[in-house]
Amino acid sequence: MFSSMSNKVLIETYNNAVKLKLDVDFLKLLEEEINRRGIQSEKVE
């Protein structure tokens, strides 16, 4: 689903989704993709 996104865009999307308090299921999808790629980054919690 998110495979065409660069790592940078994926992290920015995740951080923006958290700030905007988007749906928890959407955040989980983003988190799963971040984990699948093994990305280590500062995430907004």
C-alpha atoms as a PDB file:
ATOM      1  CA  MET A   1       0.000   0.000   0.000  1.00  0.00           C
ATOM      2  CA  PHE A   2       2.744   2.447   0.945  1.00  0.00           C
ATOM      3  CA  SER A   3       5.528   0.781  -1.023  1.00  0.00           C
ATOM      4  CA  SER A   4       5.841   3.626  -3.519  1.00  0.00           C
ATOM      5  CA  MET A   5       6.478   6.195  -0.759  1.00  0.00           C
ATOM      6  CA  SER A   6      10.032   7.137   0.118  1.00  0.00           C
ATOM      7  CA  ASN A   7      11.130   6.573   3.706  1.00  0.00           C
ATOM      8  CA  LYS A   8      11.172  10.315   4.303  1.00  0.00           C
ATOM      9  CA  VAL A   9       7.615  10.789   3.023  1.00  0.00           C
ATOM     10  CA  LEU A  10       6.437   7.792   5.050  1.00  0.00           C
ATOM     11  CA  ILE A  11       7.843   9.240   8.290  1.00  0.00           C
ATOM     12  CA  GLU A  12       6.445  12.701   7.505  1.00  0.00           C
ATOM     13  CA  THR A  13       3.048  11.157   6.793  1.00  0.00           C
ATOM     14  CA  TYR A  14       3.148   9.234  10.057  1.00  0.00           C
ATOM     15  CA  ASN A  15       4.152  12.285  12.082  1.00  0.00           C
ATOM     16  CA  ASN A  16       1.445  14.422  10.469  1.00  0.00           C
ATOM     17  CA  ALA A  17      -1.166  11.719  11.028  1.00  0.00           C
ATOM     18  CA  VAL A  18      -0.281  11.610  14.724  1.00  0.00           C
ATOM     19  CA  LYS A  19      -0.432  15.408  15.040  1.00  0.00           C
ATOM     20  CA  LEU A  20      -3.817  15.472  13.300  1.00  0.00           C
ATOM     21  CA  LYS A  21      -5.079  12.593  15.467  1.00  0.00           C
ATOM     22  CA  LEU A  22      -6.136  10.544  12.467  1.00  0.00           C
ATOM     23  CA  ASP A  23      -7.736   7.123  12.738  1.00  0.00           C
ATOM     24  CA  VAL A  24      -5.857   4.617  14.882  1.00  0.00           C
ATOM     25  CA  ASP A  25      -6.123   1.928  12.191  1.00  0.00           C
ATOM     26  CA  PHE A  26      -4.443   4.248   9.668  1.00  0.00           C
ATOM     27  CA  LEU A  27      -1.634   4.960  12.150  1.00  0.00           C
ATOM     28  CA  LYS A  28      -1.167   1.221  12.668  1.00  0.00           C
ATOM     29  CA  LEU A  29      -0.830   0.674   8.914  1.00  0.00           C
ATOM     30  CA  LEU A  30       1.841   3.367   8.752  1.00  0.00           C
ATOM     31  CA  GLU A  31       3.638   1.916  11.793  1.00  0.00           C
ATOM     32  CA  GLU A  32       3.603  -1.560  10.249  1.00  0.00           C
ATOM     33  CA  GLU A  33       5.198  -0.235   7.060  1.00  0.00           C
ATOM     34  CA  ILE A  34       7.815   1.701   9.045  1.00  0.00           C
ATOM     35  CA  ASN A  35       8.645  -1.446  11.017  1.00  0.00           C
ATOM     36  CA  ARG A  36       8.655  -3.600   7.853  1.00  0.00           C
ATOM     37  CA  ARG A  37      11.273  -1.292   6.350  1.00  0.00           C
ATOM     38  CA  GLY A  38      13.289  -1.272   9.559  1.00  0.00           C
ATOM     39  CA  ILE A  39      13.268   2.516   9.700  1.00  0.00           C
ATOM     40  CA  GLN A  40      14.664   4.022  12.884  1.00  0.00           C
ATOM     41  CA  SER A  41      13.375   7.535  13.315  1.00  0.00           C
ATOM     42  CA  GLU A  42      12.069  10.019  15.802  1.00  0.00           C
ATOM     43  CA  LYS A  43       8.328   9.410  15.877  1.00  0.00           C
ATOM     44  CA  VAL A  44       5.813  11.724  17.465  1.00  0.00           C
ATOM     45  CA  GLU A  45       4.004   9.890  20.253  1.00  0.00           C
END
